[in-house]
C-alpha atoms as a PDB file:
ATOM      1  CA  MET A   1     -12.613 -21.058 -14.710  1.00  0.00           C
ATOM      2  CA  GLN A   2     -10.666 -24.122 -15.742  1.00  0.00           C
ATOM      3  CA  ALA A   3     -10.889 -27.152 -17.989  1.00  0.00           C
ATOM      4  CA  LYS A   4      -8.566 -30.082 -18.606  1.00  0.00           C
ATOM      5  CA  THR A   5      -9.616 -30.725 -22.185  1.00  0.00           C
ATOM      6  CA  LEU A   6     -10.921 -28.695 -25.089  1.00  0.00           C
ATOM      7  CA  ASP A   7     -14.231 -30.571 -24.908  1.00  0.00           C
ATOM      8  CA  ASP A   8     -14.564 -29.674 -21.202  1.00  0.00           C
ATOM      9  CA  LEU A   9     -13.922 -26.004 -21.962  1.00  0.00           C
ATOM     10  CA  ARG A  10     -16.373 -26.067 -24.857  1.00  0.00           C
ATOM     11  CA  ARG A  11     -19.062 -27.584 -22.618  1.00  0.00           C
ATOM     12  CA  MET A  12     -18.428 -25.549 -19.455  1.00  0.00           C
ATOM     13  CA  HIS A  13     -17.367 -22.180 -20.894  1.00  0.00           C
ATOM     14  CA  PRO A  14     -18.610 -21.832 -24.482  1.00  0.00           C
ATOM     15  CA  HIS A  15     -17.936 -18.073 -24.598  1.00  0.00           C
ATOM     16  CA  PHE A  16     -14.299 -18.582 -23.671  1.00  0.00           C
ATOM     17  CA  VAL A  17     -13.422 -21.610 -25.832  1.00  0.00           C
ATOM     18  CA  GLN A  18     -12.019 -19.396 -28.602  1.00  0.00           C
ATOM     19  CA  HIS A  19      -9.098 -18.588 -26.270  1.00  0.00           C
ATOM     20  CA  TRP A  20      -7.994 -22.235 -25.897  1.00  0.00           C
ATOM     21  CA  ASP A  21      -5.490 -22.076 -28.741  1.00  0.00           C
ATOM     22  CA  PRO A  22      -2.145 -20.478 -27.702  1.00  0.00           C
ATOM     23  CA  VAL A  23      -2.182 -18.604 -31.035  1.00  0.00           C
ATOM     24  CA  THR A  24      -4.942 -16.412 -29.550  1.00  0.00           C
ATOM     25  CA  PHE A  25      -2.776 -15.346 -26.588  1.00  0.00           C
ATOM     26  CA  GLY A  26      -2.921 -11.608 -26.086  1.00  0.00           C
ATOM     27  CA  ARG A  27      -6.113 -11.090 -28.046  1.00  0.00           C
ATOM     28  CA  PRO A  28      -8.949  -9.358 -26.180  1.00  0.00           C
ATOM     29  CA  TRP A  29     -10.472 -11.840 -23.731  1.00  0.00           C
ATOM     30  CA  LEU A  30     -11.802  -9.901 -20.759  1.00  0.00           C
ATOM     31  CA  GLN A  31     -15.333  -9.491 -22.132  1.00  0.00           C
ATOM     32  CA  ASP A  32     -15.554 -13.266 -22.748  1.00  0.00           C
ATOM     33  CA  TYR A  33     -14.242 -13.983 -19.260  1.00  0.00           C
ATOM     34  CA  THR A  34     -16.821 -11.784 -17.529  1.00  0.00           C
ATOM     35  CA  VAL A  35     -19.738 -13.752 -19.044  1.00  0.00           C
ATOM     36  CA  ALA A  36     -18.292 -17.135 -17.987  1.00  0.00           C
ATOM     37  CA  PRO A  37     -20.223 -18.581 -15.040  1.00  0.00           C
ATOM     38  CA  PRO A  38     -18.118 -18.860 -11.875  1.00  0.00           C
ATOM     39  CA  GLU A  39     -17.327 -22.332 -10.567  1.00  0.00           C
ATOM     40  CA  ARG A  40     -17.533 -23.135  -6.880  1.00  0.00           C
ATOM     41  CA  ARG A  41     -14.315 -24.855  -5.803  1.00  0.00           C
ATOM     42  CA  ALA A  42     -14.818 -25.954  -2.196  1.00  0.00           C
ATOM     43  CA  ASP A  43     -11.555 -27.935  -2.369  1.00  0.00           C
ATOM     44  CA  LEU A  44      -9.700 -24.610  -2.498  1.00  0.00           C
ATOM     45  CA  ASP A  45     -11.359 -23.129   0.612  1.00  0.00           C
ATOM     46  CA  LEU A  46      -9.481 -22.610   3.837  1.00  0.00           C
ATOM     47  CA  ALA A  47     -11.637 -24.587   6.283  1.00  0.00           C
ATOM     48  CA  SER A  48     -10.301 -23.190   9.557  1.00  0.00           C
ATOM     49  CA  PRO A  49      -8.091 -20.146   9.033  1.00  0.00           C
ATOM     50  CA  PRO A  50      -5.503 -19.380  11.698  1.00  0.00           C
ATOM     51  CA  ASP A  51      -5.696 -16.077  13.571  1.00  0.00           C
ATOM     52  CA  GLY A  52      -4.177 -13.200  11.640  1.00  0.00           C
ATOM     53  CA  VAL A  53      -4.071 -15.017   8.304  1.00  0.00           C
ATOM     54  CA  ARG A  54      -3.401 -12.728   5.330  1.00  0.00           C
ATOM     55  CA  SER A  55      -3.642 -13.125   1.580  1.00  0.00           C
ATOM     56  CA  PRO A  56      -0.367 -12.639  -0.336  1.00  0.00           C
ATOM     57  CA  LEU A  57      -1.508  -9.482  -2.142  1.00  0.00           C
ATOM     58  CA  ALA A  58      -3.006  -7.814   0.929  1.00  0.00           C
ATOM     59  CA  LEU A  59       0.114  -8.641   2.908  1.00  0.00           C
ATOM     60  CA  ALA A  60       2.546  -7.505   0.217  1.00  0.00           C
ATOM     61  CA  PHE A  61       0.845  -4.231  -0.631  1.00  0.00           C
ATOM     62  CA  TYR A  62      -0.840  -3.202   2.614  1.00  0.00           C
ATOM     63  CA  TRP A  63      -0.160  -5.126   5.814  1.00  0.00           C
ATOM     64  CA  ILE A  64       3.636  -5.166   5.412  1.00  0.00           C
ATOM     65  CA  ARG A  65       3.597  -1.410   5.940  1.00  0.00           C
ATOM     66  CA  TRP A  66       2.244  -1.821   9.480  1.00  0.00           C
ATOM     67  CA  LEU A  67       4.254  -4.761  10.839  1.00  0.00           C
ATOM     68  CA  PRO A  68       6.338  -4.015  13.946  1.00  0.00           C
ATOM     69  CA  ASN A  69       9.971  -3.097  13.241  1.00  0.00           C
ATOM     70  CA  GLY A  70      11.101  -6.004  15.428  1.00  0.00           C
ATOM     71  CA  GLY A  71       9.784  -8.449  12.815  1.00  0.00           C
ATOM     72  CA  ALA A  72       6.793 -10.733  12.833  1.00  0.00           C
ATOM     73  CA  ASP A  73       5.549 -14.213  11.981  1.00  0.00           C
ATOM     74  CA  VAL A  74       2.497 -14.094   9.722  1.00  0.00           C
ATOM     75  CA  PRO A  75       0.348 -16.948   8.376  1.00  0.00           C
ATOM     76  CA  VAL A  76      -0.304 -16.451   4.653  1.00  0.00           C
ATOM     77  CA  PHE A  77      -3.194 -18.106   2.786  1.00  0.00           C
ATOM     78  CA  LEU A  78      -2.236 -19.332  -0.683  1.00  0.00           C
ATOM     79  CA  PRO A  79      -5.447 -19.027  -2.720  1.00  0.00           C
ATOM     80  CA  GLY A  80      -5.935 -21.726  -5.326  1.00  0.00           C
ATOM     81  CA  TRP A  81      -3.772 -24.355  -3.637  1.00  0.00           C
ATOM     82  CA  LYS A  82      -5.345 -27.713  -2.845  1.00  0.00           C
ATOM     83  CA  LYS A  83      -2.892 -28.612  -0.085  1.00  0.00           C
ATOM     84  CA  ASP A  84      -0.365 -26.720   2.018  1.00  0.00           C
ATOM     85  CA  LYS A  85      -2.727 -23.738   1.760  1.00  0.00           C
ATOM     86  CA  VAL A  86      -1.122 -21.755   4.582  1.00  0.00           C
ATOM     87  CA  MET A  87       2.515 -20.755   4.719  1.00  0.00           C
ATOM     88  CA  ASP A  88       3.987 -19.284   7.889  1.00  0.00           C
ATOM     89  CA  VAL A  89       6.209 -16.398   6.873  1.00  0.00           C
ATOM     90  CA  ARG A  90       8.891 -14.763   9.030  1.00  0.00           C
ATOM     91  CA  PHE A  91       9.473 -11.055   8.404  1.00  0.00           C
ATOM     92  CA  ASP A  92      12.778  -9.702   9.695  1.00  0.00           C
ATOM     93  CA  ALA A  93      13.374  -5.969   9.568  1.00  0.00           C
ATOM     94  CA  SER A  94      16.377  -3.724   9.355  1.00  0.00           C
ATOM     95  CA  VAL A  95      15.669  -0.053   9.941  1.00  0.00           C
ATOM     96  CA  SER A  96      17.593   2.746   8.248  1.00  0.00           C
ATOM     97  CA  PRO A  97      17.035   6.485   7.715  1.00  0.00           C
ATOM     98  CA  ALA A  98      15.413   5.616   4.336  1.00  0.00           C
ATOM     99  CA  GLY A  99      12.871   3.326   5.949  1.00  0.00           C
ATOM    100  CA  THR A 100      12.516  -0.350   6.811  1.00  0.00           C
ATOM    101  CA  VAL A 101      13.853  -3.209   4.723  1.00  0.00           C
ATOM    102  CA  TRP A 102      11.977  -6.453   5.268  1.00  0.00           C
ATOM    103  CA  HIS A 103      13.824  -9.687   4.498  1.00  0.00           C
ATOM    104  CA  VAL A 104      11.423 -12.558   3.971  1.00  0.00           C
ATOM    105  CA  PRO A 105      12.721 -16.107   3.468  1.00  0.00           C
ATOM    106  CA  LEU A 106      10.044 -18.226   1.794  1.00  0.00           C
ATOM    107  CA  HIS A 107       9.763 -21.893   2.767  1.00  0.00           C
ATOM    108  CA  HIS A 108       7.057 -24.083   1.279  1.00  0.00           C
ATOM    109  CA  PRO A 109       6.928 -27.733   0.144  1.00  0.00           C
ATOM    110  CA  SER A 110       6.515 -26.641  -3.492  1.00  0.00           C
ATOM    111  CA  LEU A 111       9.715 -24.560  -3.401  1.00  0.00           C
ATOM    112  CA  THR A 112      13.143 -26.119  -3.710  1.00  0.00           C
ATOM    113  CA  SER A 113      15.448 -26.187  -0.718  1.00  0.00           C
ATOM    114  CA  ASP A 114      18.715 -26.118  -2.696  1.00  0.00           C
ATOM    115  CA  GLN A 115      18.049 -22.581  -4.003  1.00  0.00           C
ATOM    116  CA  PRO A 116      16.521 -20.304  -1.371  1.00  0.00           C
ATOM    117  CA  SER A 117      13.384 -18.361  -2.278  1.00  0.00           C
ATOM    118  CA  SER A 118      12.834 -14.953  -0.761  1.00  0.00           C
ATOM    119  CA  ALA A 119      11.113 -11.599  -0.927  1.00  0.00           C
ATOM    120  CA  THR A 120      12.417  -8.183   0.027  1.00  0.00           C
ATOM    121  CA  VAL A 121      10.283  -5.157   0.795  1.00  0.00           C
ATOM    122  CA  LEU A 122      11.278  -1.537   1.403  1.00  0.00           C
ATOM    123  CA  THR A 123       8.826   0.714   3.225  1.00  0.00           C
ATOM    124  CA  SER A 124       9.461   4.417   3.786  1.00  0.00           C
ATOM    125  CA  THR A 125       9.570   6.002   7.233  1.00  0.00           C
ATOM    126  CA  ASP A 126       5.980   7.203   6.671  1.00  0.00           C
ATOM    127  CA  HIS A 127       4.772   3.665   5.786  1.00  0.00           C
ATOM    128  CA  HIS A 128       4.661   3.893   1.991  1.00  0.00           C
ATOM    129  CA  LEU A 129       5.557   0.792   0.002  1.00  0.00           C
ATOM    130  CA  MET A 130       8.635   1.753  -2.004  1.00  0.00           C
ATOM    131  CA  ARG A 131       9.869  -1.553  -3.455  1.00  0.00           C
ATOM    132  CA  LEU A 132       8.800  -5.190  -3.468  1.00  0.00           C
ATOM    133  CA  SER A 133      10.935  -7.905  -5.036  1.00  0.00           C
ATOM    134  CA  PHE A 134      10.816 -11.668  -4.999  1.00  0.00           C
ATOM    135  CA  ASP A 135      12.896 -14.587  -6.173  1.00  0.00           C
ATOM    136  CA  LEU A 136      11.181 -18.002  -6.248  1.00  0.00           C
ATOM    137  CA  HIS A 137      12.667 -21.396  -7.086  1.00  0.00           C
ATOM    138  CA  GLY A 138      10.689 -24.571  -7.648  1.00  0.00           C
ATOM    139  CA  PRO A 139      11.252 -27.923  -9.339  1.00  0.00           C
ATOM    140  CA  ALA A 140       9.720 -26.641 -12.595  1.00  0.00           C
ATOM    141  CA  GLY A 141      11.794 -23.446 -12.750  1.00  0.00           C
ATOM    142  CA  SER A 142      12.407 -20.053 -11.208  1.00  0.00           C
ATOM    143  CA  ALA A 143      10.639 -16.702 -11.246  1.00  0.00           C
ATOM    144  CA  GLY A 144      11.428 -13.230 -10.059  1.00  0.00           C
ATOM    145  CA  GLY A 145       9.749  -9.877  -9.986  1.00  0.00           C
ATOM    146  CA  LEU A 146      10.157  -6.272  -8.947  1.00  0.00           C
ATOM    147  CA  VAL A 147       7.552  -3.623  -8.154  1.00  0.00           C
ATOM    148  CA  GLU A 148       8.760  -0.085  -7.471  1.00  0.00           C
ATOM    149  CA  GLN A 149       6.823   3.010  -6.538  1.00  0.00           C
ATOM    150  CA  THR A 150       7.072   5.735  -9.157  1.00  0.00           C
ATOM    151  CA  GLY A 151       4.831   8.221  -7.375  1.00  0.00           C
ATOM    152  CA  CYS A 152       2.349   8.546  -4.564  1.00  0.00           C
ATOM    153  CA  VAL A 153      -0.634  10.753  -3.949  1.00  0.00           C
ATOM    154  CA  GLY A 154      -2.347  10.874  -0.579  1.00  0.00           C
ATOM    155  CA  SER A 155      -1.278  10.531   2.993  1.00  0.00           C
ATOM    156  CA  ALA A 156      -0.214   7.654   5.203  1.00  0.00           C
ATOM    157  CA  GLY A 157      -2.847   6.640   7.722  1.00  0.00           C
ATOM    158  CA  THR A 158      -3.078   3.851  10.191  1.00  0.00           C
ATOM    159  CA  PRO A 159      -4.845   0.549   9.591  1.00  0.00           C
END
């Protein structure tokens, strides 16, 4: 759901309008969101996806664990983007006794070229995701994040 003005939000999503004011940030909102009618945004669709295209979350948390140790080039769909919706990503691996470390330089028109953006992923020898970190730099600012495994239940299978 989105709206550019308060009047638009009031008209299109009356159950959610109470969350317009930043003062309400953090207050319970999920119940109001679930009753909002979904909007069809055809301008955000990927008209002709390339072979092997992945979403960022599926790639980061699942598919990365099964890439070949020699590295791979993977097309990634950027949901919600109106242009430059696919980013070709190069995964380079270095293998150690602890597992595989994937070094992923990120190049996209919305990222700055003077400060490199990247992601790093560590997978264990039995294909568990151990650590995912990223460092992004754009004209409006920078962002970084780290996800680390604190435990795992289950067994590693194959895709």
